Every structure is written in C-alpha cells, then in structure tokens.
Amino acid sequence: MPEDNSSRMGGVLAAFAAGAFVGAAVALLYAPRSGKDTREIMTAKGRELKGKVNDALDGIPAFIDGKKAEVASAIESGKEAIREELDKRLRVA
C-alpha cells in the first residue's frame, strides 16, 4: 500500500513540475525580451525548478517513514483495544 501512495505522490509531483515548467516557458516566450535573455531566464528557472523537485523528492522517504510509523502505531492501538475488550468480555462470561 505505501508503494501505491508514493507512486501517486510521485505522479502528482511530476505533473506539478511539468505544469510549472510549461507555464513558465509560455510566460517567458510571450515576454518582451530578446531570445538570448529568454533562454538564459528559462535555463535559470529550469535549474530552480529542478532544485525544488529534487528537494521535494528527497523529502518523500521521510514522509513515507512517518506515515508507516503512524500506521504501525494505529495498528498497535487497535490491537490493544481489542485485547482489552476481549479481557472485559471474558471476565464477564
């Protein structure tokens, strides 16, 4: 199940990055600048976007580990609640 969530998150990040890049490219192409200036700006924005995407991707393993810990804790809490309920019912019977 975590693999499914991480692949969905990766897809969302990829779509966001692609949309941001296309939007920036269109905005720059319609800007009143020379071709050289536009290419330099696009290169800089591309590098900036690449850094942001890499930072986001670097955070995914920690995010997944945190969610795994939350799920494990919830499972343990559920097991404990079931044990307590069973103990109560066995004492009554």
PDB file of N, CA and C in Angstrom:
ATOM      1  N   MET A   1       0.801  -1.194   0.000  1.00  0.00           N
ATOM      2  CA  MET A   1       0.000   0.000   0.000  1.00  0.00           C
ATOM      3  C   MET A   1       0.849   1.265   0.000  1.00  0.00           C
ATOM      4  N   PRO A   2       1.941   1.387   0.793  1.00  0.00           N
ATOM      5  CA  PRO A   2       2.755   2.594   0.736  1.00  0.00           C
ATOM      6  C   PRO A   2       3.351   2.837  -0.647  1.00  0.00           C
ATOM      7  N   GLU A   3       3.677   1.761  -1.377  1.00  0.00           N
ATOM      8  CA  GLU A   3       4.215   1.949  -2.714  1.00  0.00           C
ATOM      9  C   GLU A   3       3.191   2.645  -3.593  1.00  0.00           C
ATOM     10  N   ASP A   4       1.930   2.283  -3.462  1.00  0.00           N
ATOM     11  CA  ASP A   4       0.876   2.900  -4.246  1.00  0.00           C
ATOM     12  C   ASP A   4       0.783   4.384  -3.929  1.00  0.00           C
ATOM     13  N   ASN A   5       0.842   4.742  -2.641  1.00  0.00           N
ATOM     14  CA  ASN A   5       0.770   6.145  -2.241  1.00  0.00           C
ATOM     15  C   ASN A   5       1.985   6.919  -2.725  1.00  0.00           C
ATOM     16  N   SER A   6       3.157   6.319  -2.637  1.00  0.00           N
ATOM     17  CA  SER A   6       4.358   7.033  -3.066  1.00  0.00           C
ATOM     18  C   SER A   6       4.363   7.216  -4.574  1.00  0.00           C
ATOM     19  N   SER A   7       3.856   6.217  -5.329  1.00  0.00           N
ATOM     20  CA  SER A   7       3.825   6.382  -6.771  1.00  0.00           C
ATOM     21  C   SER A   7       2.807   7.445  -7.161  1.00  0.00           C
ATOM     22  N   ARG A   8       1.685   7.527  -6.415  1.00  0.00           N
ATOM     23  CA  ARG A   8       0.715   8.585  -6.673  1.00  0.00           C
ATOM     24  C   ARG A   8       1.322   9.946  -6.371  1.00  0.00           C
ATOM     25  N   MET A   9       2.054  10.029  -5.257  1.00  0.00           N
ATOM     26  CA  MET A   9       2.678  11.301  -4.888  1.00  0.00           C
ATOM     27  C   MET A   9       3.715  11.693  -5.933  1.00  0.00           C
ATOM     28  N   GLY A  10       4.480  10.718  -6.403  1.00  0.00           N
ATOM     29  CA  GLY A  10       5.460  10.998  -7.447  1.00  0.00           C
ATOM     30  C   GLY A  10       4.800  11.501  -8.714  1.00  0.00           C
ATOM     31  N   GLY A  11       3.652  10.909  -9.063  1.00  0.00           N
ATOM     32  CA  GLY A  11       2.910  11.348 -10.242  1.00  0.00           C
ATOM     33  C   GLY A  11       2.400  12.766 -10.077  1.00  0.00           C
ATOM     34  N   VAL A  12       1.909  13.069  -8.894  1.00  0.00           N
ATOM     35  CA  VAL A  12       1.407  14.424  -8.628  1.00  0.00           C
ATOM     36  C   VAL A  12       2.557  15.426  -8.710  1.00  0.00           C
ATOM     37  N   LEU A  13       3.689  15.074  -8.116  1.00  0.00           N
ATOM     38  CA  LEU A  13       4.844  15.986  -8.172  1.00  0.00           C
ATOM     39  C   LEU A  13       5.330  16.182  -9.608  1.00  0.00           C
ATOM     40  N   ALA A  14       5.348  15.095 -10.371  1.00  0.00           N
ATOM     41  CA  ALA A  14       5.786  15.191 -11.765  1.00  0.00           C
ATOM     42  C   ALA A  14       4.823  16.065 -12.568  1.00  0.00           C
ATOM     43  N   ALA A  15       3.525  15.891 -12.363  1.00  0.00           N
ATOM     44  CA  ALA A  15       2.538  16.703 -13.072  1.00  0.00           C
ATOM     45  C   ALA A  15       2.667  18.173 -12.678  1.00  0.00           C
ATOM     46  N   PHE A  16       2.855  18.416 -11.380  1.00  0.00           N
ATOM     47  CA  PHE A  16       3.026  19.798 -10.914  1.00  0.00           C
ATOM     48  C   PHE A  16       4.273  20.421 -11.545  1.00  0.00           C
ATOM     49  N   ALA A  17       5.368  19.680 -11.536  1.00  0.00           N
ATOM     50  CA  ALA A  17       6.617  20.196 -12.095  1.00  0.00           C
ATOM     51  C   ALA A  17       6.469  20.478 -13.583  1.00  0.00           C
ATOM     52  N   ALA A  18       5.835  19.552 -14.300  1.00  0.00           N
ATOM     53  CA  ALA A  18       5.642  19.747 -15.737  1.00  0.00           C
ATOM     54  C   ALA A  18       4.768  20.967 -15.998  1.00  0.00           C
ATOM     55  N   GLY A  19       3.692  21.104 -15.232  1.00  0.00           N
ATOM     56  CA  GLY A  19       2.813  22.259 -15.404  1.00  0.00           C
ATOM     57  C   GLY A  19       3.520  23.567 -15.097  1.00  0.00           C
ATOM     58  N   ALA A  20       4.317  23.575 -14.043  1.00  0.00           N
ATOM     59  CA  ALA A  20       5.059  24.777 -13.680  1.00  0.00           C
ATOM     60  C   ALA A  20       6.057  25.142 -14.772  1.00  0.00           C
ATOM     61  N   PHE A  21       6.723  24.137 -15.309  1.00  0.00           N
ATOM     62  CA  PHE A  21       7.709  24.393 -16.357  1.00  0.00           C
ATOM     63  C   PHE A  21       7.036  24.925 -17.616  1.00  0.00           C
ATOM     64  N   VAL A  22       5.951  24.300 -18.035  1.00  0.00           N
ATOM     65  CA  VAL A  22       5.246  24.744 -19.239  1.00  0.00           C
ATOM     66  C   VAL A  22       4.712  26.163 -19.032  1.00  0.00           C
ATOM     67  N   GLY A  23       4.122  26.419 -17.869  1.00  0.00           N
ATOM     68  CA  GLY A  23       3.612  27.759 -17.597  1.00  0.00           C
ATOM     69  C   GLY A  23       4.710  28.805 -17.626  1.00  0.00           C
ATOM     70  N   ALA A  24       5.835  28.491 -17.027  1.00  0.00           N
ATOM     71  CA  ALA A  24       6.957  29.431 -17.029  1.00  0.00           C
ATOM     72  C   ALA A  24       7.489  29.648 -18.442  1.00  0.00           C
ATOM     73  N   ALA A  25       7.569  28.571 -19.209  1.00  0.00           N
ATOM     74  CA  ALA A  25       8.068  28.674 -20.579  1.00  0.00           C
ATOM     75  C   ALA A  25       7.142  29.547 -21.426  1.00  0.00           C
ATOM     76  N   VAL A  26       5.850  29.338 -21.325  1.00  0.00           N
ATOM     77  CA  VAL A  26       4.895  30.145 -22.096  1.00  0.00           C
ATOM     78  C   VAL A  26       4.991  31.614 -21.684  1.00  0.00           C
ATOM     79  N   ALA A  27       5.065  31.864 -20.388  1.00  0.00           N
ATOM     80  CA  ALA A  27       5.170  33.244 -19.910  1.00  0.00           C
ATOM     81  C   ALA A  27       6.435  33.906 -20.445  1.00  0.00           C
ATOM     82  N   LEU A  28       7.517  33.175 -20.447  1.00  0.00           N
ATOM     83  CA  LEU A  28       8.774  33.751 -20.925  1.00  0.00           C
ATOM     84  C   LEU A  28       8.765  33.971 -22.437  1.00  0.00           C
ATOM     85  N   LEU A  29       8.115  33.073 -23.156  1.00  0.00           N
ATOM     86  CA  LEU A  29       8.070  33.226 -24.607  1.00  0.00           C
ATOM     87  C   LEU A  29       7.262  34.440 -25.032  1.00  0.00           C
ATOM     88  N   TYR A  30       6.287  34.812 -24.237  1.00  0.00           N
ATOM     89  CA  TYR A  30       5.472  35.981 -24.554  1.00  0.00           C
ATOM     90  C   TYR A  30       6.007  37.266 -23.920  1.00  0.00           C
ATOM     91  N   ALA A  31       7.070  37.169 -23.168  1.00  0.00           N
ATOM     92  CA  ALA A  31       7.661  38.349 -22.537  1.00  0.00           C
ATOM     93  C   ALA A  31       8.434  39.149 -23.587  1.00  0.00           C
ATOM     94  N   PRO A  32       8.464  40.461 -23.448  1.00  0.00           N
ATOM     95  CA  PRO A  32       9.170  41.306 -24.424  1.00  0.00           C
ATOM     96  C   PRO A  32      10.678  41.341 -24.157  1.00  0.00           C
ATOM     97  N   ARG A  33      11.346  40.221 -24.420  1.00  0.00           N
ATOM     98  CA  ARG A  33      12.792  40.130 -24.233  1.00  0.00           C
ATOM     99  C   ARG A  33      13.418  39.520 -25.478  1.00  0.00           C
ATOM    100  N   SER A  34      14.723  39.642 -25.574  1.00  0.00           N
ATOM    101  CA  SER A  34      15.423  39.024 -26.695  1.00  0.00           C
ATOM    102  C   SER A  34      15.481  37.518 -26.496  1.00  0.00           C
ATOM    103  N   GLY A  35      15.766  36.804 -27.550  1.00  0.00           N
ATOM    104  CA  GLY A  35      15.857  35.342 -27.475  1.00  0.00           C
ATOM    105  C   GLY A  35      16.933  34.893 -26.499  1.00  0.00           C
ATOM    106  N   LYS A  36      18.065  35.573 -26.507  1.00  0.00           N
ATOM    107  CA  LYS A  36      19.162  35.208 -25.612  1.00  0.00           C
ATOM    108  C   LYS A  36      18.748  35.399 -24.159  1.00  0.00           C
ATOM    109  N   ASP A  37      18.140  36.534 -23.854  1.00  0.00           N
ATOM    110  CA  ASP A  37      17.679  36.781 -22.485  1.00  0.00           C
ATOM    111  C   ASP A  37      16.649  35.742 -22.064  1.00  0.00           C
ATOM    112  N   THR A  38      15.737  35.432 -22.968  1.00  0.00           N
ATOM    113  CA  THR A  38      14.685  34.460 -22.666  1.00  0.00           C
ATOM    114  C   THR A  38      15.292  33.090 -22.375  1.00  0.00           C
ATOM    115  N   ARG A  39      16.252  32.686 -23.202  1.00  0.00           N
ATOM    116  CA  ARG A  39      16.903  31.377 -22.976  1.00  0.00           C
ATOM    117  C   ARG A  39      17.637  31.346 -21.643  1.00  0.00           C
ATOM    118  N   GLU A  40      18.304  32.430 -21.297  1.00  0.00           N
ATOM    119  CA  GLU A  40      19.017  32.496 -20.017  1.00  0.00           C
ATOM    120  C   GLU A  40      18.030  32.396 -18.844  1.00  0.00           C
ATOM    121  N   ILE A  41      16.922  33.115 -18.966  1.00  0.00           N
ATOM    122  CA  ILE A  41      15.916  33.067 -17.907  1.00  0.00           C
ATOM    123  C   ILE A  41      15.314  31.669 -17.812  1.00  0.00           C
ATOM    124  N   MET A  42      15.018  31.060 -18.970  1.00  0.00           N
ATOM    125  CA  MET A  42      14.447  29.707 -18.964  1.00  0.00           C
ATOM    126  C   MET A  42      15.422  28.711 -18.350  1.00  0.00           C
ATOM    127  N   THR A  43      16.696  28.868 -18.649  1.00  0.00           N
ATOM    128  CA  THR A  43      17.708  27.981 -18.070  1.00  0.00           C
ATOM    129  C   THR A  43      17.761  28.143 -16.560  1.00  0.00           C
ATOM    130  N   ALA A  44      17.753  29.382 -16.108  1.00  0.00           N
ATOM    131  CA  ALA A  44      17.789  29.639 -14.656  1.00  0.00           C
ATOM    132  C   ALA A  44      16.546  29.089 -13.981  1.00  0.00           C
ATOM    133  N   LYS A  45      15.370  29.319 -14.577  1.00  0.00           N
ATOM    134  CA  LYS A  45      14.123  28.809 -13.998  1.00  0.00           C
ATOM    135  C   LYS A  45      14.103  27.285 -14.003  1.00  0.00           C
ATOM    136  N   GLY A  46      14.636  26.690 -15.060  1.00  0.00           N
ATOM    137  CA  GLY A  46      14.708  25.225 -15.132  1.00  0.00           C
ATOM    138  C   GLY A  46      15.581  24.664 -14.019  1.00  0.00           C
ATOM    139  N   ARG A  47      16.703  25.299 -13.782  1.00  0.00           N
ATOM    140  CA  ARG A  47      17.585  24.850 -12.693  1.00  0.00           C
ATOM    141  C   ARG A  47      16.907  25.022 -11.335  1.00  0.00           C
ATOM    142  N   GLU A  48      16.209  26.154 -11.174  1.00  0.00           N
ATOM    143  CA  GLU A  48      15.496  26.410  -9.925  1.00  0.00           C
ATOM    144  C   GLU A  48      14.407  25.346  -9.702  1.00  0.00           C
ATOM    145  N   LEU A  49      13.660  25.055 -10.759  1.00  0.00           N
ATOM    146  CA  LEU A  49      12.603  24.048 -10.670  1.00  0.00           C
ATOM    147  C   LEU A  49      13.194  22.672 -10.377  1.00  0.00           C
ATOM    148  N   LYS A  50      14.307  22.355 -11.022  1.00  0.00           N
ATOM    149  CA  LYS A  50      14.963  21.075 -10.781  1.00  0.00           C
ATOM    150  C   LYS A  50      15.363  20.957  -9.309  1.00  0.00           C
ATOM    151  N   GLY A  51      15.894  22.029  -8.742  1.00  0.00           N
ATOM    152  CA  GLY A  51      16.270  22.020  -7.325  1.00  0.00           C
ATOM    153  C   GLY A  51      15.064  21.808  -6.429  1.00  0.00           C
ATOM    154  N   LYS A  52      13.946  22.481  -6.743  1.00  0.00           N
ATOM    155  CA  LYS A  52      12.742  22.326  -5.935  1.00  0.00           C
ATOM    156  C   LYS A  52      12.197  20.907  -6.026  1.00  0.00           C
ATOM    157  N   VAL A  53      12.202  20.346  -7.233  1.00  0.00           N
ATOM    158  CA  VAL A  53      11.708  18.974  -7.407  1.00  0.00           C
ATOM    159  C   VAL A  53      12.608  18.001  -6.660  1.00  0.00           C
ATOM    160  N   ASN A  54      13.907  18.188  -6.765  1.00  0.00           N
ATOM    161  CA  ASN A  54      14.833  17.303  -6.042  1.00  0.00           C
ATOM    162  C   ASN A  54      14.638  17.407  -4.536  1.00  0.00           C
ATOM    163  N   ASP A  55      14.418  18.621  -4.039  1.00  0.00           N
ATOM    164  CA  ASP A  55      14.158  18.799  -2.604  1.00  0.00           C
ATOM    165  C   ASP A  55      12.884  18.070  -2.200  1.00  0.00           C
ATOM    166  N   ALA A  56      11.843  18.194  -3.033  1.00  0.00           N
ATOM    167  CA  ALA A  56      10.575  17.518  -2.731  1.00  0.00           C
ATOM    168  C   ALA A  56      10.755  16.004  -2.767  1.00  0.00           C
ATOM    169  N   LEU A  57      11.480  15.520  -3.750  1.00  0.00           N
ATOM    170  CA  LEU A  57      11.704  14.075  -3.859  1.00  0.00           C
ATOM    171  C   LEU A  57      12.553  13.551  -2.706  1.00  0.00           C
ATOM    172  N   ASP A  58      13.492  14.373  -2.236  1.00  0.00           N
ATOM    173  CA  ASP A  58      14.313  13.969  -1.097  1.00  0.00           C
ATOM    174  C   ASP A  58      13.470  13.809   0.162  1.00  0.00           C
ATOM    175  N   GLY A  59      12.385  14.573   0.261  1.00  0.00           N
ATOM    176  CA  GLY A  59      11.530  14.511   1.432  1.00  0.00           C
ATOM    177  C   GLY A  59      10.552  13.345   1.432  1.00  0.00           C
ATOM    178  N   ILE A  60      10.365  12.698   0.305  1.00  0.00           N
ATOM    179  CA  ILE A  60       9.385  11.613   0.208  1.00  0.00           C
ATOM    180  C   ILE A  60       9.722  10.439   1.125  1.00  0.00           C
ATOM    181  N   PRO A  61      10.959   9.941   1.169  1.00  0.00           N
ATOM    182  CA  PRO A  61      11.234   8.808   2.076  1.00  0.00           C
ATOM    183  C   PRO A  61      10.920   9.115   3.534  1.00  0.00           C
ATOM    184  N   ALA A  62      11.244  10.311   3.988  1.00  0.00           N
ATOM    185  CA  ALA A  62      10.935  10.682   5.374  1.00  0.00           C
ATOM    186  C   ALA A  62       9.428  10.750   5.581  1.00  0.00           C
ATOM    187  N   PHE A  63       8.710  11.285   4.597  1.00  0.00           N
ATOM    188  CA  PHE A  63       7.250  11.348   4.668  1.00  0.00           C
ATOM    189  C   PHE A  63       6.668   9.940   4.771  1.00  0.00           C
ATOM    190  N   ILE A  64       7.148   9.041   3.940  1.00  0.00           N
ATOM    191  CA  ILE A  64       6.647   7.666   3.944  1.00  0.00           C
ATOM    192  C   ILE A  64       6.984   6.977   5.265  1.00  0.00           C
ATOM    193  N   ASP A  65       8.209   7.175   5.748  1.00  0.00           N
ATOM    194  CA  ASP A  65       8.587   6.583   7.036  1.00  0.00           C
ATOM    195  C   ASP A  65       7.694   7.096   8.157  1.00  0.00           C
ATOM    196  N   GLY A  66       7.373   8.387   8.122  1.00  0.00           N
ATOM    197  CA  GLY A  66       6.480   8.956   9.128  1.00  0.00           C
ATOM    198  C   GLY A  66       5.096   8.343   9.060  1.00  0.00           C
ATOM    199  N   LYS A  67       4.586   8.151   7.843  1.00  0.00           N
ATOM    200  CA  LYS A  67       3.267   7.542   7.681  1.00  0.00           C
ATOM    201  C   LYS A  67       3.288   6.080   8.119  1.00  0.00           C
ATOM    202  N   LYS A  68       4.374   5.375   7.828  1.00  0.00           N
ATOM    203  CA  LYS A  68       4.492   3.984   8.278  1.00  0.00           C
ATOM    204  C   LYS A  68       4.441   3.905   9.802  1.00  0.00           C
ATOM    205  N   ALA A  69       5.137   4.833  10.444  1.00  0.00           N
ATOM    206  CA  ALA A  69       5.139   4.861  11.914  1.00  0.00           C
ATOM    207  C   ALA A  69       3.739   5.156  12.448  1.00  0.00           C
ATOM    208  N   GLU A  70       3.025   6.086  11.802  1.00  0.00           N
ATOM    209  CA  GLU A  70       1.657   6.397  12.225  1.00  0.00           C
ATOM    210  C   GLU A  70       0.747   5.179  12.083  1.00  0.00           C
ATOM    211  N   VAL A  71       0.873   4.482  10.960  1.00  0.00           N
ATOM    212  CA  VAL A  71       0.044   3.296  10.724  1.00  0.00           C
ATOM    213  C   VAL A  71       0.385   2.203  11.730  1.00  0.00           C
ATOM    214  N   ALA A  72       1.661   1.983  11.977  1.00  0.00           N
ATOM    215  CA  ALA A  72       2.078   0.964  12.941  1.00  0.00           C
ATOM    216  C   ALA A  72       1.535   1.298  14.330  1.00  0.00           C
ATOM    217  N   SER A  73       1.586   2.559  14.703  1.00  0.00           N
ATOM    218  CA  SER A  73       1.057   2.980  15.993  1.00  0.00           C
ATOM    219  C   SER A  73      -0.447   2.767  16.069  1.00  0.00           C
ATOM    220  N   ALA A  74      -1.151   3.101  14.999  1.00  0.00           N
ATOM    221  CA  ALA A  74      -2.601   2.908  14.971  1.00  0.00           C
ATOM    222  C   ALA A  74      -2.958   1.421  15.064  1.00  0.00           C
ATOM    223  N   ILE A  75      -2.190   0.588  14.392  1.00  0.00           N
ATOM    224  CA  ILE A  75      -2.431  -0.864  14.447  1.00  0.00           C
ATOM    225  C   ILE A  75      -2.218  -1.368  15.868  1.00  0.00           C
ATOM    226  N   GLU A  76      -1.134  -0.932  16.488  1.00  0.00           N
ATOM    227  CA  GLU A  76      -0.873  -1.358  17.865  1.00  0.00           C
ATOM    228  C   GLU A  76      -1.971  -0.881  18.814  1.00  0.00           C
ATOM    229  N   SER A  77      -2.443   0.341  18.621  1.00  0.00           N
ATOM    230  CA  SER A  77      -3.539   0.851  19.452  1.00  0.00           C
ATOM    231  C   SER A  77      -4.795   0.017  19.247  1.00  0.00           C
ATOM    232  N   GLY A  78      -5.065  -0.339  18.009  1.00  0.00           N
ATOM    233  CA  GLY A  78      -6.224  -1.181  17.714  1.00  0.00           C
ATOM    234  C   GLY A  78      -6.105  -2.553  18.341  1.00  0.00           C
ATOM    235  N   LYS A  79      -4.916  -3.141  18.256  1.00  0.00           N
ATOM    236  CA  LYS A  79      -4.698  -4.457  18.869  1.00  0.00           C
ATOM    237  C   LYS A  79      -4.911  -4.389  20.382  1.00  0.00           C
ATOM    238  N   GLU A  80      -4.394  -3.339  20.987  1.00  0.00           N
ATOM    239  CA  GLU A  80      -4.539  -3.178  22.440  1.00  0.00           C
ATOM    240  C   GLU A  80      -6.010  -3.000  22.817  1.00  0.00           C
ATOM    241  N   ALA A  81      -6.740  -2.220  22.029  1.00  0.00           N
ATOM    242  CA  ALA A  81      -8.168  -2.025  22.309  1.00  0.00           C
ATOM    243  C   ALA A  81      -8.928  -3.349  22.194  1.00  0.00           C
ATOM    244  N   ILE A  82      -8.580  -4.158  21.213  1.00  0.00           N
ATOM    245  CA  ILE A  82      -9.230  -5.467  21.044  1.00  0.00           C
ATOM    246  C   ILE A  82      -8.897  -6.371  22.225  1.00  0.00           C
ATOM    247  N   ARG A  83      -7.619  -6.376  22.641  1.00  0.00           N
ATOM    248  CA  ARG A  83      -7.221  -7.204  23.781  1.00  0.00           C
ATOM    249  C   ARG A  83      -7.997  -6.794  25.048  1.00  0.00           C
ATOM    250  N   GLU A  84      -8.092  -5.490  25.281  1.00  0.00           N
ATOM    251  CA  GLU A  84      -8.815  -5.000  26.456  1.00  0.00           C
ATOM    252  C   GLU A  84     -10.290  -5.400  26.399  1.00  0.00           C
ATOM    253  N   GLU A  85     -10.894  -5.273  25.237  1.00  0.00           N
ATOM    254  CA  GLU A  85     -12.307  -5.634  25.092  1.00  0.00           C
ATOM    255  C   GLU A  85     -12.511  -7.126  25.296  1.00  0.00           C
ATOM    256  N   LEU A  86     -11.621  -7.933  24.754  1.00  0.00           N
ATOM    257  CA  LEU A  86     -11.704  -9.385  24.952  1.00  0.00           C
ATOM    258  C   LEU A  86     -11.547  -9.753  26.418  1.00  0.00           C
ATOM    259  N   ASP A  87     -10.583  -9.108  27.087  1.00  0.00           N
ATOM    260  CA  ASP A  87     -10.399  -9.363  28.524  1.00  0.00           C
ATOM    261  C   ASP A  87     -11.646  -9.020  29.321  1.00  0.00           C
ATOM    262  N   LYS A  88     -12.269  -7.877  28.988  1.00  0.00           N
ATOM    263  CA  LYS A  88     -13.519  -7.481  29.683  1.00  0.00           C
ATOM    264  C   LYS A  88     -14.607  -8.502  29.454  1.00  0.00           C
ATOM    265  N   ARG A  89     -14.772  -8.930  28.227  1.00  0.00           N
ATOM    266  CA  ARG A  89     -15.848  -9.879  27.904  1.00  0.00           C
ATOM    267  C   ARG A  89     -15.589 -11.247  28.529  1.00  0.00           C
ATOM    268  N   LEU A  90     -14.310 -11.649  28.604  1.00  0.00           N
ATOM    269  CA  LEU A  90     -14.001 -12.946  29.215  1.00  0.00           C
ATOM    270  C   LEU A  90     -14.225 -12.899  30.721  1.00  0.00           C
ATOM    271  N   ARG A  91     -13.965 -11.762  31.349  1.00  0.00           N
ATOM    272  CA  ARG A  91     -14.210 -11.626  32.787  1.00  0.00           C
ATOM    273  C   ARG A  91     -15.693 -11.656  33.103  1.00  0.00           C
ATOM    274  N   VAL A  92     -16.509 -11.096  32.204  1.00  0.00           N
ATOM    275  CA  VAL A  92     -17.961 -11.059  32.406  1.00  0.00           C
ATOM    276  C   VAL A  92     -18.551 -12.462  32.216  1.00  0.00           C
ATOM    277  N   ALA A  93     -18.034 -13.197  31.265  1.00  0.00           N
ATOM    278  CA  ALA A  93     -18.593 -14.514  30.952  1.00  0.00           C
ATOM    279  C   ALA A  93     -18.185 -15.521  31.969  1.00  0.00           C
TER     280      ALA A  93
END
